[in-house]
């Protein structure tokens, strides 16, 4: 306890000086230790839980405190998440209304297709799943809200890239894409051709390009400004992913995406 109290008195200028950028990953790891079961930690507890040295833990925690990512409770001699985290949560919650409006469409898709349905948005490095309703049938895909699907291979990413702004496509093309399976398309010219086809068809298929055994189909959701806001997708197991079955899923997901777009105020130009 005394050790923690002493650390709470360290001048913040020291944290500013001793914050090399190479420690970012370790700092994020420390932030990840705070959760609903562990909302606060002493400095000693953080050191023991992280396995970092005393000096490194102290430097990282004081840097996080200086930046308001954590805050020090002098009475309890503990650290808890700070105001900057609340700001980040506020940004994340900006999607909460979208999730609320879209959730009934996911329920309907699962009822119509008996397969898992998801809502995703673009998150700079890939498609981020905001909401998922799983199938009641066996062989459920491993997807969950908050899961990031890095790269351009997933059906959701394909849709969000194809219908997104030019700068998104340019960034993807400038970044070497991981060949996740034998079916993954990574060549820039092939990707550009693929995206053009998706814009023409209004739907994207993932033929085991993200994960073997899990084909998928996705359609774009537009907002009142005409910008792509999200994607709706259906992910069956390969045993239920024949061409005919995927075509039926495509019809269902494109219809749901179009209806959700209208609810968000989208009015296509004729």
C-alpha atoms as a PDB file:
ATOM      1  CA  UNK A   1       0.000   0.000   0.000  1.00  0.00           C
ATOM      2  CA  UNK A   2       2.773   2.429   0.953  1.00  0.00           C
ATOM      3  CA  UNK A   3       4.524   1.705  -2.323  1.00  0.00           C
ATOM      4  CA  UNK A   4       1.348   2.553  -4.269  1.00  0.00           C
ATOM      5  CA  UNK A   5       0.763   5.736  -2.313  1.00  0.00           C
ATOM      6  CA  UNK A   6       4.295   6.876  -2.991  1.00  0.00           C
ATOM      7  CA  UNK A   7       3.875   6.306  -6.706  1.00  0.00           C
ATOM      8  CA  UNK A   8       0.769   8.474  -6.694  1.00  0.00           C
ATOM      9  CA  UNK A   9       2.940  11.476  -5.795  1.00  0.00           C
ATOM     10  CA  UNK A  10       5.362  11.147  -8.725  1.00  0.00           C
ATOM     11  CA  UNK A  11       5.540  14.271 -10.855  1.00  0.00           C
ATOM     12  CA  UNK A  12       3.692  13.846 -14.161  1.00  0.00           C
ATOM     13  CA  UNK A  13       6.598  15.411 -16.026  1.00  0.00           C
ATOM     14  CA  UNK A  14       8.590  12.243 -15.341  1.00  0.00           C
ATOM     15  CA  UNK A  15       5.932  10.179 -17.105  1.00  0.00           C
ATOM     16  CA  UNK A  16       6.113  12.455 -20.130  1.00  0.00           C
ATOM     17  CA  UNK A  17       9.872  11.980 -20.405  1.00  0.00           C
ATOM     18  CA  UNK A  18       9.864   8.212 -19.827  1.00  0.00           C
ATOM     19  CA  UNK A  19       7.228   7.164 -22.371  1.00  0.00           C
ATOM     20  CA  UNK A  20       9.024   5.638 -25.370  1.00  0.00           C
ATOM     21  CA  UNK A  21       6.706   4.668 -28.209  1.00  0.00           C
ATOM     22  CA  UNK A  22       7.954   1.086 -28.213  1.00  0.00           C
ATOM     23  CA  UNK A  23       6.091   0.526 -24.942  1.00  0.00           C
ATOM     24  CA  UNK A  24       2.685   1.167 -26.507  1.00  0.00           C
ATOM     25  CA  UNK A  25       1.828  -2.524 -26.704  1.00  0.00           C
ATOM     26  CA  UNK A  26       2.681  -3.024 -23.040  1.00  0.00           C
ATOM     27  CA  UNK A  27       0.611   0.006 -22.070  1.00  0.00           C
ATOM     28  CA  UNK A  28      -2.402  -1.335 -23.951  1.00  0.00           C
ATOM     29  CA  UNK A  29      -1.894  -4.684 -22.234  1.00  0.00           C
ATOM     30  CA  UNK A  30      -2.091  -2.959 -18.855  1.00  0.00           C
ATOM     31  CA  UNK A  31      -5.290  -1.173 -19.890  1.00  0.00           C
ATOM     32  CA  UNK A  32      -6.749  -4.519 -20.901  1.00  0.00           C
ATOM     33  CA  UNK A  33      -6.380  -5.777 -17.338  1.00  0.00           C
ATOM     34  CA  UNK A  34      -9.179  -3.452 -16.203  1.00  0.00           C
ATOM     35  CA  UNK A  35     -12.573  -5.104 -16.613  1.00  0.00           C
ATOM     36  CA  UNK A  36     -15.867  -5.574 -14.764  1.00  0.00           C
ATOM     37  CA  UNK A  37     -14.287  -8.072 -12.381  1.00  0.00           C
ATOM     38  CA  UNK A  38     -11.169  -5.942 -11.816  1.00  0.00           C
ATOM     39  CA  UNK A  39     -12.201  -2.260 -12.052  1.00  0.00           C
ATOM     40  CA  UNK A  40      -9.219  -1.165  -9.967  1.00  0.00           C
ATOM     41  CA  UNK A  41      -5.673  -2.325  -9.257  1.00  0.00           C
ATOM     42  CA  UNK A  42      -2.815  -1.306  -7.019  1.00  0.00           C
ATOM     43  CA  UNK A  43       0.524  -0.741  -8.687  1.00  0.00           C
ATOM     44  CA  UNK A  44       1.843  -3.914  -7.079  1.00  0.00           C
ATOM     45  CA  UNK A  45      -1.110  -5.934  -8.372  1.00  0.00           C
ATOM     46  CA  UNK A  46      -0.630  -4.593 -11.894  1.00  0.00           C
ATOM     47  CA  UNK A  47       3.047  -5.504 -11.735  1.00  0.00           C
ATOM     48  CA  UNK A  48       2.330  -9.034 -10.530  1.00  0.00           C
ATOM     49  CA  UNK A  49      -0.535  -9.633 -12.969  1.00  0.00           C
ATOM     50  CA  UNK A  50       1.324  -8.288 -16.005  1.00  0.00           C
ATOM     51  CA  UNK A  51       4.680  -9.888 -15.263  1.00  0.00           C
ATOM     52  CA  UNK A  52       6.439  -6.628 -16.088  1.00  0.00           C
ATOM     53  CA  UNK A  53       9.275  -5.221 -14.033  1.00  0.00           C
ATOM     54  CA  UNK A  54       8.588  -2.735 -11.257  1.00  0.00           C
ATOM     55  CA  UNK A  55      10.239   0.122 -13.130  1.00  0.00           C
ATOM     56  CA  UNK A  56       8.438  -0.627 -16.389  1.00  0.00           C
ATOM     57  CA  UNK A  57       5.046  -0.961 -14.718  1.00  0.00           C
ATOM     58  CA  UNK A  58       5.519   2.293 -12.819  1.00  0.00           C
ATOM     59  CA  UNK A  59       6.599   4.174 -15.948  1.00  0.00           C
ATOM     60  CA  UNK A  60       3.709   2.850 -18.026  1.00  0.00           C
ATOM     61  CA  UNK A  61       1.085   3.496 -15.374  1.00  0.00           C
ATOM     62  CA  UNK A  62       2.292   7.054 -14.802  1.00  0.00           C
ATOM     63  CA  UNK A  63       2.262   7.682 -18.548  1.00  0.00           C
ATOM     64  CA  UNK A  64      -1.311   6.396 -18.727  1.00  0.00           C
ATOM     65  CA  UNK A  65      -2.229   8.550 -15.754  1.00  0.00           C
ATOM     66  CA  UNK A  66      -0.669  11.640 -17.317  1.00  0.00           C
ATOM     67  CA  UNK A  67      -2.765  11.043 -20.448  1.00  0.00           C
ATOM     68  CA  UNK A  68      -5.938  10.428 -18.370  1.00  0.00           C
ATOM     69  CA  UNK A  69      -6.313   6.824 -19.522  1.00  0.00           C
ATOM     70  CA  UNK A  70      -6.135   5.787 -15.876  1.00  0.00           C
ATOM     71  CA  UNK A  71      -6.737   7.766 -12.690  1.00  0.00           C
ATOM     72  CA  UNK A  72      -5.240   7.364  -9.234  1.00  0.00           C
ATOM     73  CA  UNK A  73      -7.410   7.107  -6.109  1.00  0.00           C
ATOM     74  CA  UNK A  74      -5.228   8.479  -3.303  1.00  0.00           C
ATOM     75  CA  UNK A  75      -7.631   7.277  -0.609  1.00  0.00           C
ATOM     76  CA  UNK A  76      -7.657   3.673  -1.818  1.00  0.00           C
ATOM     77  CA  UNK A  77      -4.141   3.696  -3.321  1.00  0.00           C
ATOM     78  CA  UNK A  78      -5.531   2.138  -6.510  1.00  0.00           C
ATOM     79  CA  UNK A  79      -5.815   2.953 -10.187  1.00  0.00           C
ATOM     80  CA  UNK A  80      -9.003   2.840 -12.242  1.00  0.00           C
ATOM     81  CA  UNK A  81      -9.883   3.733 -15.840  1.00  0.00           C
ATOM     82  CA  UNK A  82      -9.815   7.464 -16.556  1.00  0.00           C
ATOM     83  CA  UNK A  83     -11.736  10.036 -18.559  1.00  0.00           C
ATOM     84  CA  UNK A  84     -10.048   9.246 -21.877  1.00  0.00           C
ATOM     85  CA  UNK A  85     -11.539   5.770 -21.765  1.00  0.00           C
ATOM     86  CA  UNK A  86     -14.978   7.291 -21.289  1.00  0.00           C
ATOM     87  CA  UNK A  87     -14.419   9.402 -24.403  1.00  0.00           C
ATOM     88  CA  UNK A  88     -13.472   6.306 -26.396  1.00  0.00           C
ATOM     89  CA  UNK A  89     -16.550   4.493 -25.115  1.00  0.00           C
ATOM     90  CA  UNK A  90     -18.693   7.440 -26.198  1.00  0.00           C
ATOM     91  CA  UNK A  91     -17.358   7.101 -29.734  1.00  0.00           C
ATOM     92  CA  UNK A  92     -18.029   3.369 -29.691  1.00  0.00           C
ATOM     93  CA  UNK A  93     -21.551   3.967 -28.420  1.00  0.00           C
ATOM     94  CA  UNK A  94     -22.255   6.121 -31.479  1.00  0.00           C
ATOM     95  CA  UNK A  95     -23.061   2.824 -33.175  1.00  0.00           C
ATOM     96  CA  UNK A  96     -25.539   1.822 -30.468  1.00  0.00           C
ATOM     97  CA  UNK A  97     -28.538   3.298 -32.277  1.00  0.00           C
ATOM     98  CA  UNK A  98     -27.551   1.437 -35.441  1.00  0.00           C
ATOM     99  CA  UNK A  99     -27.391  -1.810 -33.470  1.00  0.00           C
ATOM    100  CA  UNK A 100     -30.793  -1.145 -31.938  1.00  0.00           C
ATOM    101  CA  UNK A 101     -32.417  -0.489 -35.307  1.00  0.00           C
ATOM    102  CA  UNK A 102     -30.650  -3.353 -37.089  1.00  0.00           C
ATOM    103  CA  UNK A 103     -31.143  -6.099 -34.502  1.00  0.00           C
ATOM    104  CA  UNK A 104     -34.703  -7.010 -35.598  1.00  0.00           C
ATOM    105  CA  UNK A 105     -33.398  -7.490 -39.138  1.00  0.00           C
ATOM    106  CA  UNK A 106     -30.788  -9.939 -37.871  1.00  0.00           C
ATOM    107  CA  UNK A 107     -33.475 -11.848 -36.005  1.00  0.00           C
ATOM    108  CA  UNK A 108     -35.579 -11.990 -39.148  1.00  0.00           C
ATOM    109  CA  UNK A 109     -32.642 -13.157 -41.262  1.00  0.00           C
ATOM    110  CA  UNK A 110     -31.927 -16.000 -38.862  1.00  0.00           C
ATOM    111  CA  UNK A 111     -35.594 -16.962 -38.908  1.00  0.00           C
ATOM    112  CA  UNK A 112     -35.735 -16.889 -42.716  1.00  0.00           C
ATOM    113  CA  UNK A 113     -32.435 -18.612 -43.448  1.00  0.00           C
ATOM    114  CA  UNK A 114     -31.825 -20.560 -40.198  1.00  0.00           C
ATOM    115  CA  UNK A 115     -28.204 -19.331 -40.393  1.00  0.00           C
ATOM    116  CA  UNK A 116     -26.155 -16.886 -38.326  1.00  0.00           C
ATOM    117  CA  UNK A 117     -26.518 -13.209 -39.251  1.00  0.00           C
ATOM    118  CA  UNK A 118     -24.228 -10.295 -38.343  1.00  0.00           C
ATOM    119  CA  UNK A 119     -24.012  -6.508 -38.563  1.00  0.00           C
ATOM    120  CA  UNK A 120     -20.562  -5.020 -39.232  1.00  0.00           C
ATOM    121  CA  UNK A 121     -18.885  -1.671 -39.883  1.00  0.00           C
ATOM    122  CA  UNK A 122     -15.493  -0.748 -41.337  1.00  0.00           C
ATOM    123  CA  UNK A 123     -12.822  -0.211 -38.677  1.00  0.00           C
ATOM    124  CA  UNK A 124      -9.787   0.899 -40.691  1.00  0.00           C
ATOM    125  CA  UNK A 125      -8.085  -2.521 -40.677  1.00  0.00           C
ATOM    126  CA  UNK A 126     -11.109  -4.668 -41.414  1.00  0.00           C
ATOM    127  CA  UNK A 127     -14.759  -5.361 -40.656  1.00  0.00           C
ATOM    128  CA  UNK A 128     -15.798  -4.956 -37.024  1.00  0.00           C
ATOM    129  CA  UNK A 129     -18.806  -7.014 -35.923  1.00  0.00           C
ATOM    130  CA  UNK A 130     -21.265  -4.897 -33.940  1.00  0.00           C
ATOM    131  CA  UNK A 131     -24.019  -7.468 -33.463  1.00  0.00           C
ATOM    132  CA  UNK A 132     -24.601 -11.152 -34.157  1.00  0.00           C
ATOM    133  CA  UNK A 133     -27.570 -13.480 -33.884  1.00  0.00           C
ATOM    134  CA  UNK A 134     -26.509 -17.110 -34.033  1.00  0.00           C
ATOM    135  CA  UNK A 135     -28.334 -19.940 -35.717  1.00  0.00           C
ATOM    136  CA  UNK A 136     -30.182 -22.481 -33.561  1.00  0.00           C
ATOM    137  CA  UNK A 137     -28.750 -25.206 -35.781  1.00  0.00           C
ATOM    138  CA  UNK A 138     -25.482 -27.078 -35.205  1.00  0.00           C
ATOM    139  CA  UNK A 139     -22.097 -25.822 -36.519  1.00  0.00           C
ATOM    140  CA  UNK A 140     -22.355 -22.211 -35.365  1.00  0.00           C
ATOM    141  CA  UNK A 141     -19.593 -19.929 -36.701  1.00  0.00           C
ATOM    142  CA  UNK A 142     -17.195 -18.410 -34.191  1.00  0.00           C
ATOM    143  CA  UNK A 143     -18.295 -14.773 -34.400  1.00  0.00           C
ATOM    144  CA  UNK A 144     -19.216 -12.312 -31.684  1.00  0.00           C
ATOM    145  CA  UNK A 145     -19.828  -8.567 -31.195  1.00  0.00           C
ATOM    146  CA  UNK A 146     -16.526  -6.738 -30.994  1.00  0.00           C
ATOM    147  CA  UNK A 147     -14.719  -9.259 -33.172  1.00  0.00           C
ATOM    148  CA  UNK A 148     -12.481  -7.699 -35.827  1.00  0.00           C
ATOM    149  CA  UNK A 149     -12.081  -9.469 -39.174  1.00  0.00           C
ATOM    150  CA  UNK A 150      -8.806  -7.949 -40.414  1.00  0.00           C
ATOM    151  CA  UNK A 151      -8.120  -7.512 -44.096  1.00  0.00           C
ATOM    152  CA  UNK A 152     -10.301  -7.667 -47.182  1.00  0.00           C
ATOM    153  CA  UNK A 153     -11.171 -11.371 -47.340  1.00  0.00           C
ATOM    154  CA  UNK A 154     -14.446 -11.478 -45.397  1.00  0.00           C
ATOM    155  CA  UNK A 155     -17.743 -10.826 -47.154  1.00  0.00           C
ATOM    156  CA  UNK A 156     -18.419  -7.895 -44.832  1.00  0.00           C
ATOM    157  CA  UNK A 157     -15.059  -6.304 -45.606  1.00  0.00           C
ATOM    158  CA  UNK A 158     -15.583  -6.785 -49.333  1.00  0.00           C
ATOM    159  CA  UNK A 159     -18.902  -4.935 -49.203  1.00  0.00           C
ATOM    160  CA  UNK A 160     -17.632  -2.141 -46.963  1.00  0.00           C
ATOM    161  CA  UNK A 161     -14.562  -1.621 -49.146  1.00  0.00           C
ATOM    162  CA  UNK A 162     -16.392  -1.880 -52.465  1.00  0.00           C
ATOM    163  CA  UNK A 163     -19.061   0.658 -51.520  1.00  0.00           C
ATOM    164  CA  UNK A 164     -16.844   2.769 -49.275  1.00  0.00           C
ATOM    165  CA  UNK A 165     -14.916   5.912 -50.191  1.00  0.00           C
ATOM    166  CA  UNK A 166     -11.948   5.815 -52.570  1.00  0.00           C
ATOM    167  CA  UNK A 167      -9.432   6.409 -49.785  1.00  0.00           C
ATOM    168  CA  UNK A 168     -10.463   3.159 -48.073  1.00  0.00           C
ATOM    169  CA  UNK A 169      -9.783   1.163 -51.230  1.00  0.00           C
ATOM    170  CA  UNK A 170      -6.501   2.987 -51.722  1.00  0.00           C
ATOM    171  CA  UNK A 171      -5.355   2.146 -48.195  1.00  0.00           C
ATOM    172  CA  UNK A 172      -6.288  -1.494 -48.623  1.00  0.00           C
ATOM    173  CA  UNK A 173      -4.449  -1.719 -51.938  1.00  0.00           C
ATOM    174  CA  UNK A 174      -1.388  -0.095 -50.360  1.00  0.00           C
ATOM    175  CA  UNK A 175      -1.348  -2.701 -47.579  1.00  0.00           C
ATOM    176  CA  UNK A 176      -0.197  -6.259 -48.380  1.00  0.00           C
ATOM    177  CA  UNK A 177      -3.164  -8.536 -47.768  1.00  0.00           C
ATOM    178  CA  UNK A 178      -2.798 -11.771 -45.822  1.00  0.00           C
ATOM    179  CA  UNK A 179      -3.606 -14.908 -47.775  1.00  0.00           C
ATOM    180  CA  UNK A 180      -5.736 -16.504 -45.087  1.00  0.00           C
ATOM    181  CA  UNK A 181      -6.765 -19.508 -47.190  1.00  0.00           C
ATOM    182  CA  UNK A 182      -5.973 -20.894 -50.624  1.00  0.00           C
ATOM    183  CA  UNK A 183      -9.027 -19.007 -51.903  1.00  0.00           C
ATOM    184  CA  UNK A 184      -8.048 -15.560 -50.599  1.00  0.00           C
ATOM    185  CA  UNK A 185      -7.592 -12.925 -53.284  1.00  0.00           C
ATOM    186  CA  UNK A 186      -4.616 -10.658 -52.565  1.00  0.00           C
ATOM    187  CA  UNK A 187      -3.447  -9.270 -55.923  1.00  0.00           C
ATOM    188  CA  UNK A 188      -4.345  -5.546 -56.253  1.00  0.00           C
ATOM    189  CA  UNK A 189      -5.720  -5.776 -59.789  1.00  0.00           C
ATOM    190  CA  UNK A 190      -7.826  -8.798 -58.903  1.00  0.00           C
ATOM    191  CA  UNK A 191      -9.147  -6.993 -55.830  1.00  0.00           C
ATOM    192  CA  UNK A 192     -10.122  -3.925 -57.854  1.00  0.00           C
ATOM    193  CA  UNK A 193     -11.950  -6.135 -60.344  1.00  0.00           C
ATOM    194  CA  UNK A 194     -13.664  -7.950 -57.482  1.00  0.00           C
ATOM    195  CA  UNK A 195     -14.872  -4.720 -55.886  1.00  0.00           C
ATOM    196  CA  UNK A 196     -16.211  -3.431 -59.189  1.00  0.00           C
ATOM    197  CA  UNK A 197     -18.215  -6.637 -59.561  1.00  0.00           C
ATOM    198  CA  UNK A 198     -19.589  -6.285 -56.030  1.00  0.00           C
ATOM    199  CA  UNK A 199     -20.756  -2.730 -56.715  1.00  0.00           C
ATOM    200  CA  UNK A 200     -22.528  -3.958 -59.840  1.00  0.00           C
ATOM    201  CA  UNK A 201     -24.116  -6.983 -58.167  1.00  0.00           C
ATOM    202  CA  UNK A 202     -24.925  -5.293 -54.856  1.00  0.00           C
ATOM    203  CA  UNK A 203     -23.745  -8.305 -52.891  1.00  0.00           C
ATOM    204  CA  UNK A 204     -20.458  -9.961 -51.922  1.00  0.00           C
ATOM    205  CA  UNK A 205     -19.640 -13.626 -51.464  1.00  0.00           C
ATOM    206  CA  UNK A 206     -16.876 -15.091 -49.356  1.00  0.00           C
ATOM    207  CA  UNK A 207     -16.141 -18.514 -50.814  1.00  0.00           C
ATOM    208  CA  UNK A 208     -14.038 -19.733 -47.881  1.00  0.00           C
ATOM    209  CA  UNK A 209     -11.640 -16.816 -48.361  1.00  0.00           C
ATOM    210  CA  UNK A 210     -11.631 -15.703 -44.733  1.00  0.00           C
ATOM    211  CA  UNK A 211     -11.916 -19.150 -43.130  1.00  0.00           C
ATOM    212  CA  UNK A 212     -12.120 -22.617 -44.612  1.00  0.00           C
ATOM    213  CA  UNK A 213     -15.464 -24.226 -43.919  1.00  0.00           C
ATOM    214  CA  UNK A 214     -17.290 -20.901 -43.488  1.00  0.00           C
ATOM    215  CA  UNK A 215     -18.624 -19.281 -46.668  1.00  0.00           C
ATOM    216  CA  UNK A 216     -20.547 -16.033 -46.266  1.00  0.00           C
ATOM    217  CA  UNK A 217     -22.607 -13.492 -48.153  1.00  0.00           C
ATOM    218  CA  UNK A 218     -23.034  -9.793 -47.322  1.00  0.00           C
ATOM    219  CA  UNK A 219     -24.932  -6.742 -48.560  1.00  0.00           C
ATOM    220  CA  UNK A 220     -24.418  -3.007 -47.936  1.00  0.00           C
ATOM    221  CA  UNK A 221     -26.508  -0.800 -45.655  1.00  0.00           C
ATOM    222  CA  UNK A 222     -26.667   2.887 -46.606  1.00  0.00           C
ATOM    223  CA  UNK A 223     -27.599   5.916 -44.501  1.00  0.00           C
ATOM    224  CA  UNK A 224     -29.531   9.055 -45.399  1.00  0.00           C
ATOM    225  CA  UNK A 225     -26.428  10.653 -46.921  1.00  0.00           C
ATOM    226  CA  UNK A 226     -26.030   7.801 -49.375  1.00  0.00           C
ATOM    227  CA  UNK A 227     -22.835   6.565 -47.713  1.00  0.00           C
ATOM    228  CA  UNK A 228     -22.360   2.917 -46.808  1.00  0.00           C
ATOM    229  CA  UNK A 229     -22.981   2.696 -43.075  1.00  0.00           C
ATOM    230  CA  UNK A 230     -22.665  -1.027 -42.405  1.00  0.00           C
ATOM    231  CA  UNK A 231     -23.031  -4.491 -43.847  1.00  0.00           C
ATOM    232  CA  UNK A 232     -25.409  -7.346 -43.126  1.00  0.00           C
ATOM    233  CA  UNK A 233     -24.071 -10.855 -43.599  1.00  0.00           C
ATOM    234  CA  UNK A 234     -25.074 -14.491 -43.320  1.00  0.00           C
ATOM    235  CA  UNK A 235     -22.529 -17.192 -42.473  1.00  0.00           C
ATOM    236  CA  UNK A 236     -23.524 -20.838 -42.943  1.00  0.00           C
ATOM    237  CA  UNK A 237     -21.182 -23.807 -42.565  1.00  0.00           C
ATOM    238  CA  UNK A 238     -19.823 -25.285 -45.778  1.00  0.00           C
ATOM    239  CA  UNK A 239     -22.227 -28.218 -45.420  1.00  0.00           C
ATOM    240  CA  UNK A 240     -25.084 -25.775 -45.957  1.00  0.00           C
ATOM    241  CA  UNK A 241     -23.248 -23.457 -48.328  1.00  0.00           C
ATOM    242  CA  UNK A 242     -23.953 -24.782 -51.801  1.00  0.00           C
ATOM    243  CA  UNK A 243     -24.390 -22.327 -54.658  1.00  0.00           C
ATOM    244  CA  UNK A 244     -28.167 -22.621 -54.510  1.00  0.00           C
ATOM    245  CA  UNK A 245     -28.277 -22.196 -50.730  1.00  0.00           C
ATOM    246  CA  UNK A 246     -25.962 -19.202 -50.863  1.00  0.00           C
ATOM    247  CA  UNK A 247     -28.122 -17.603 -53.558  1.00  0.00           C
ATOM    248  CA  UNK A 248     -31.150 -17.869 -51.275  1.00  0.00           C
ATOM    249  CA  UNK A 249     -29.150 -16.319 -48.446  1.00  0.00           C
ATOM    250  CA  UNK A 250     -28.070 -13.537 -50.807  1.00  0.00           C
ATOM    251  CA  UNK A 251     -31.686 -12.744 -51.686  1.00  0.00           C
ATOM    252  CA  UNK A 252     -32.614 -12.584 -48.012  1.00  0.00           C
ATOM    253  CA  UNK A 253     -29.666 -10.438 -46.929  1.00  0.00           C
ATOM    254  CA  UNK A 254     -29.961  -7.953 -49.809  1.00  0.00           C
ATOM    255  CA  UNK A 255     -33.684  -7.510 -49.114  1.00  0.00           C
ATOM    256  CA  UNK A 256     -33.034  -6.959 -45.409  1.00  0.00           C
ATOM    257  CA  UNK A 257     -30.162  -4.541 -46.102  1.00  0.00           C
ATOM    258  CA  UNK A 258     -32.326  -2.535 -48.509  1.00  0.00           C
ATOM    259  CA  UNK A 259     -35.151  -2.316 -45.980  1.00  0.00           C
ATOM    260  CA  UNK A 260     -32.772  -1.309 -43.189  1.00  0.00           C
ATOM    261  CA  UNK A 261     -31.259   1.342 -45.467  1.00  0.00           C
ATOM    262  CA  UNK A 262     -34.705   2.819 -46.073  1.00  0.00           C
ATOM    263  CA  UNK A 263     -35.331   2.909 -42.327  1.00  0.00           C
ATOM    264  CA  UNK A 264     -32.059   4.825 -41.920  1.00  0.00           C
ATOM    265  CA  UNK A 265     -33.314   7.395 -44.428  1.00  0.00           C
ATOM    266  CA  UNK A 266     -31.586   6.182 -47.578  1.00  0.00           C
ATOM    267  CA  UNK A 267     -33.334   7.156 -50.818  1.00  0.00           C
ATOM    268  CA  UNK A 268     -31.544   5.780 -53.892  1.00  0.00           C
ATOM    269  CA  UNK A 269     -31.313   7.987 -56.933  1.00  0.00           C
ATOM    270  CA  UNK A 270     -33.146   6.571 -59.915  1.00  0.00           C
END
